[in-house]
Amino acid sequence: MPPDLGQTFAALGDPTRMAILSRLAAQGDLTVQEIAQPFAMSLPAVSQHLKVLERAGLIARGRDGQKRPCSLRPERLAEATRWLNHTREAWEARFDRLEQFLATTETKDDDHDR
């Protein structure tokens, strides 16, 4: 796994950060104050979560006059999804080979018992 994807998965491992990403996906760009509204935490605490998401490449922060809107970076989620799919396919192939091996072993054992 590329090291930057490790940061992505670490950032995704927190429920608050996942909720922030979900809101950005559903509502589009939001300011820190708008992001903080549903959470029972201080603005600095929300800002810390946003910094983690930004370092992981999951969000971008822009400038719009006095506002600093945050936006989702779906391409980073797509990278994580590609890695997960590749890993899932590799494990499925391993399980298929194991299943075939067990089926042939079982058949040999059945023949041997006769």
Protein backbone atom coordinates (compact mmCIF):
# COMPACT_ATOMS: atom_id res chain seq x y z
CA MET A 1 0.00 0.00 0.00
CA PRO A 2 1.44 3.41 -0.91
CA PRO A 3 2.31 5.43 2.23
CA ASP A 4 -0.08 8.24 1.35
CA LEU A 5 -2.94 5.73 1.28
CA GLY A 6 -2.02 4.82 4.85
CA GLN A 7 -2.75 8.41 5.81
CA THR A 8 -6.03 8.23 3.92
CA PHE A 9 -7.17 5.11 5.75
CA ALA A 10 -6.04 6.52 9.11
CA ALA A 11 -8.11 9.63 8.46
CA LEU A 12 -11.10 7.53 7.42
CA GLY A 13 -10.83 5.52 10.64
CA ASP A 14 -12.39 8.26 12.75
CA PRO A 15 -16.23 8.51 12.90
CA THR A 16 -16.19 12.32 13.14
CA ARG A 17 -14.04 12.63 10.05
CA MET A 18 -16.25 10.15 8.21
CA ALA A 19 -19.29 12.25 9.16
CA ILE A 20 -17.55 15.40 7.89
CA LEU A 21 -16.77 13.71 4.57
CA SER A 22 -20.37 12.49 4.29
CA ARG A 23 -21.68 16.02 4.81
CA LEU A 24 -19.29 17.44 2.22
CA ALA A 25 -20.33 14.73 -0.24
CA ALA A 26 -24.03 15.43 0.34
CA GLN A 27 -23.98 19.22 0.67
CA GLY A 28 -20.96 20.39 -1.28
CA ASP A 29 -18.50 23.01 -0.05
CA LEU A 30 -18.95 24.09 3.58
CA THR A 31 -17.16 26.49 5.89
CA VAL A 32 -15.63 25.34 9.18
CA GLN A 33 -18.55 26.88 11.07
CA GLU A 34 -21.06 25.04 8.88
CA ILE A 35 -19.17 21.78 9.31
CA ALA A 36 -18.99 22.25 13.09
CA GLN A 37 -22.74 22.88 13.60
CA PRO A 38 -23.93 19.29 14.22
CA PHE A 39 -20.96 18.33 16.39
CA ALA A 40 -20.70 18.81 20.14
CA MET A 41 -17.10 20.01 19.97
CA SER A 42 -15.19 23.25 19.76
CA LEU A 43 -14.19 24.93 16.50
CA PRO A 44 -10.50 24.18 17.20
CA ALA A 45 -11.35 20.47 17.57
CA VAL A 46 -13.22 20.51 14.25
CA SER A 47 -10.28 22.35 12.69
CA GLN A 48 -7.94 19.58 13.87
CA HIS A 49 -10.13 16.99 12.14
CA LEU A 50 -10.10 19.11 8.99
CA LYS A 51 -6.30 19.32 9.09
CA VAL A 52 -6.06 15.53 9.25
CA LEU A 53 -8.44 15.22 6.30
CA GLU A 54 -6.51 17.84 4.35
CA ARG A 55 -3.12 16.18 5.02
CA ALA A 56 -4.62 12.89 3.82
CA GLY A 57 -5.74 14.60 0.63
CA LEU A 58 -9.43 13.93 1.29
CA ILE A 59 -10.46 17.59 1.37
CA ALA A 60 -9.19 20.86 -0.03
CA ARG A 61 -9.54 24.25 1.61
CA GLY A 62 -10.06 27.26 -0.58
CA ARG A 63 -10.48 31.00 -0.19
CA ASP A 64 -13.62 32.91 -0.93
CA GLY A 65 -13.14 36.38 0.51
CA GLN A 66 -13.25 35.96 4.29
CA LYS A 67 -14.48 32.38 4.04
CA ARG A 68 -12.37 29.25 3.71
CA PRO A 69 -14.70 26.67 2.26
CA CYS A 70 -13.79 23.00 2.48
CA SER A 71 -14.50 20.68 -0.41
CA LEU A 72 -14.32 16.94 -0.86
CA ARG A 73 -11.56 15.52 -3.07
CA PRO A 74 -13.25 12.44 -4.53
CA GLU A 75 -10.15 11.39 -6.46
CA ARG A 76 -8.44 10.43 -3.19
CA LEU A 77 -11.43 8.29 -2.22
CA ALA A 78 -11.25 6.72 -5.69
CA GLU A 79 -7.60 5.77 -5.07
CA ALA A 80 -8.56 4.12 -1.78
CA THR A 81 -11.43 2.31 -3.50
CA ARG A 82 -9.10 1.02 -6.24
CA TRP A 83 -6.71 -0.31 -3.61
CA LEU A 84 -9.55 -1.97 -1.67
CA ASN A 85 -10.94 -3.55 -4.84
CA HIS A 86 -7.51 -4.84 -5.87
CA THR A 87 -6.97 -6.32 -2.40
CA ARG A 88 -10.46 -7.86 -2.34
CA GLU A 89 -9.90 -9.46 -5.75
CA ALA A 90 -6.56 -10.90 -4.60
CA TRP A 91 -8.14 -12.42 -1.49
CA GLU A 92 -11.07 -13.80 -3.47
CA ALA A 93 -8.60 -15.49 -5.84
CA ARG A 94 -6.77 -17.00 -2.84
CA PHE A 95 -10.02 -18.29 -1.37
CA ASP A 96 -10.99 -19.77 -4.75
CA ARG A 97 -7.63 -21.60 -4.92
CA LEU A 98 -8.09 -22.81 -1.34
CA GLU A 99 -11.59 -24.03 -2.12
CA GLN A 100 -10.28 -25.93 -5.16
CA PHE A 101 -7.47 -27.44 -3.12
CA LEU A 102 -9.85 -28.54 -0.37
CA ALA A 103 -12.25 -30.01 -2.92
CA THR A 104 -9.49 -32.10 -4.53
CA THR A 105 -8.15 -33.14 -1.13
CA GLU A 106 -11.63 -34.16 -0.02
CA THR A 107 -12.09 -36.20 -3.20
CA LYS A 108 -8.75 -37.95 -2.65
CA ASP A 109 -9.68 -38.70 0.97
CA ASP A 110 -13.04 -40.13 -0.15
CA ASP A 111 -11.29 -42.37 -2.71
CA HIS A 112 -8.72 -43.43 -0.12
CA ASP A 113 -11.41 -44.42 2.44
CA ARG A 114 -13.00 -46.90 0.00
